[in-house]
Amino acid sequence: MTIATWSVRLDCYCPACKEYVNLLDYTDFWDGREIDVPECGTERSRDVEVKCPKCDHEFIVDLVY
């Protein structure tokens, strides 16, 4: 049997350090969130507070797919 593996990323540029980052690399990203992959255009996916996994800068994003 051949197995296919899902790979999920949530990429953006950090407004502080200007690095292109995968927000899912921040260890606490899912804590307390009720967001489904790949949720988009919902109240839960707009104005989401995140932290940059590189510099810990906090900022707001809209999640799109």
Protein backbone atom coordinates (compact mmCIF):
# COMPACT_ATOMS: atom_id res chain seq x y z
CA MET A 1 0.00 0.00 0.00
CA THR A 2 1.18 3.52 -0.80
CA ILE A 3 0.62 6.14 1.89
CA ALA A 4 0.01 9.84 1.25
CA THR A 5 0.83 12.26 4.06
CA TRP A 6 -0.93 15.58 4.60
CA SER A 7 1.33 18.57 5.08
CA VAL A 8 -0.27 21.67 6.58
CA ARG A 9 1.35 25.12 6.78
CA LEU A 10 0.12 28.57 7.68
CA ASP A 11 2.60 30.99 6.12
CA CYS A 12 2.94 34.76 6.32
CA TYR A 13 5.49 37.54 6.66
CA CYS A 14 6.06 38.74 10.21
CA PRO A 15 5.56 42.53 10.32
CA ALA A 16 8.33 42.85 12.94
CA CYS A 17 11.22 40.67 11.77
CA LYS A 18 10.10 40.55 8.09
CA GLU A 19 10.76 36.79 7.97
CA TYR A 20 8.48 34.47 5.97
CA VAL A 21 7.29 32.06 8.69
CA ASN A 22 4.99 29.09 9.21
CA LEU A 23 2.76 30.19 12.11
CA LEU A 24 2.18 26.54 12.99
CA ASP A 25 5.83 26.39 14.09
CA TYR A 26 4.82 28.44 17.15
CA THR A 27 4.34 25.75 19.80
CA ASP A 28 1.19 27.25 21.33
CA PHE A 29 -0.61 28.08 18.06
CA TRP A 30 -3.50 25.61 18.59
CA ASP A 31 -3.94 26.28 22.35
CA GLY A 32 -7.47 27.54 22.98
CA ARG A 33 -8.34 27.83 19.28
CA GLU A 34 -11.35 26.27 17.62
CA ILE A 35 -10.14 26.75 14.05
CA ASP A 36 -10.50 23.93 11.53
CA VAL A 37 -8.00 23.29 8.73
CA PRO A 38 -8.53 24.96 6.18
CA GLU A 39 -11.10 27.34 7.71
CA CYS A 40 -11.47 30.56 5.75
CA GLY A 41 -13.94 33.44 5.65
CA THR A 42 -15.48 32.74 9.05
CA GLU A 43 -15.59 34.84 12.18
CA ARG A 44 -13.11 32.42 13.80
CA SER A 45 -10.64 32.81 10.93
CA ARG A 46 -10.60 36.63 10.87
CA ASP A 47 -8.54 38.88 13.16
CA VAL A 48 -6.68 35.92 14.65
CA GLU A 49 -4.04 36.84 17.23
CA VAL A 50 -0.75 35.05 16.50
CA LYS A 51 2.91 35.09 17.52
CA CYS A 52 5.83 34.89 15.17
CA PRO A 53 7.72 31.62 15.79
CA LYS A 54 11.01 33.41 15.03
CA CYS A 55 10.80 36.61 17.12
CA ASP A 56 7.66 36.16 19.33
CA HIS A 57 6.10 39.35 17.93
CA GLU A 58 2.31 39.34 18.42
CA PHE A 59 0.13 40.47 15.50
CA ILE A 60 -3.28 39.92 13.87
CA VAL A 61 -3.93 37.90 10.70
CA ASP A 62 -6.86 36.70 8.62
CA LEU A 63 -6.57 33.01 7.74
CA VAL A 64 -7.22 32.26 4.06
CA TYR A 65 -7.04 29.10 2.00
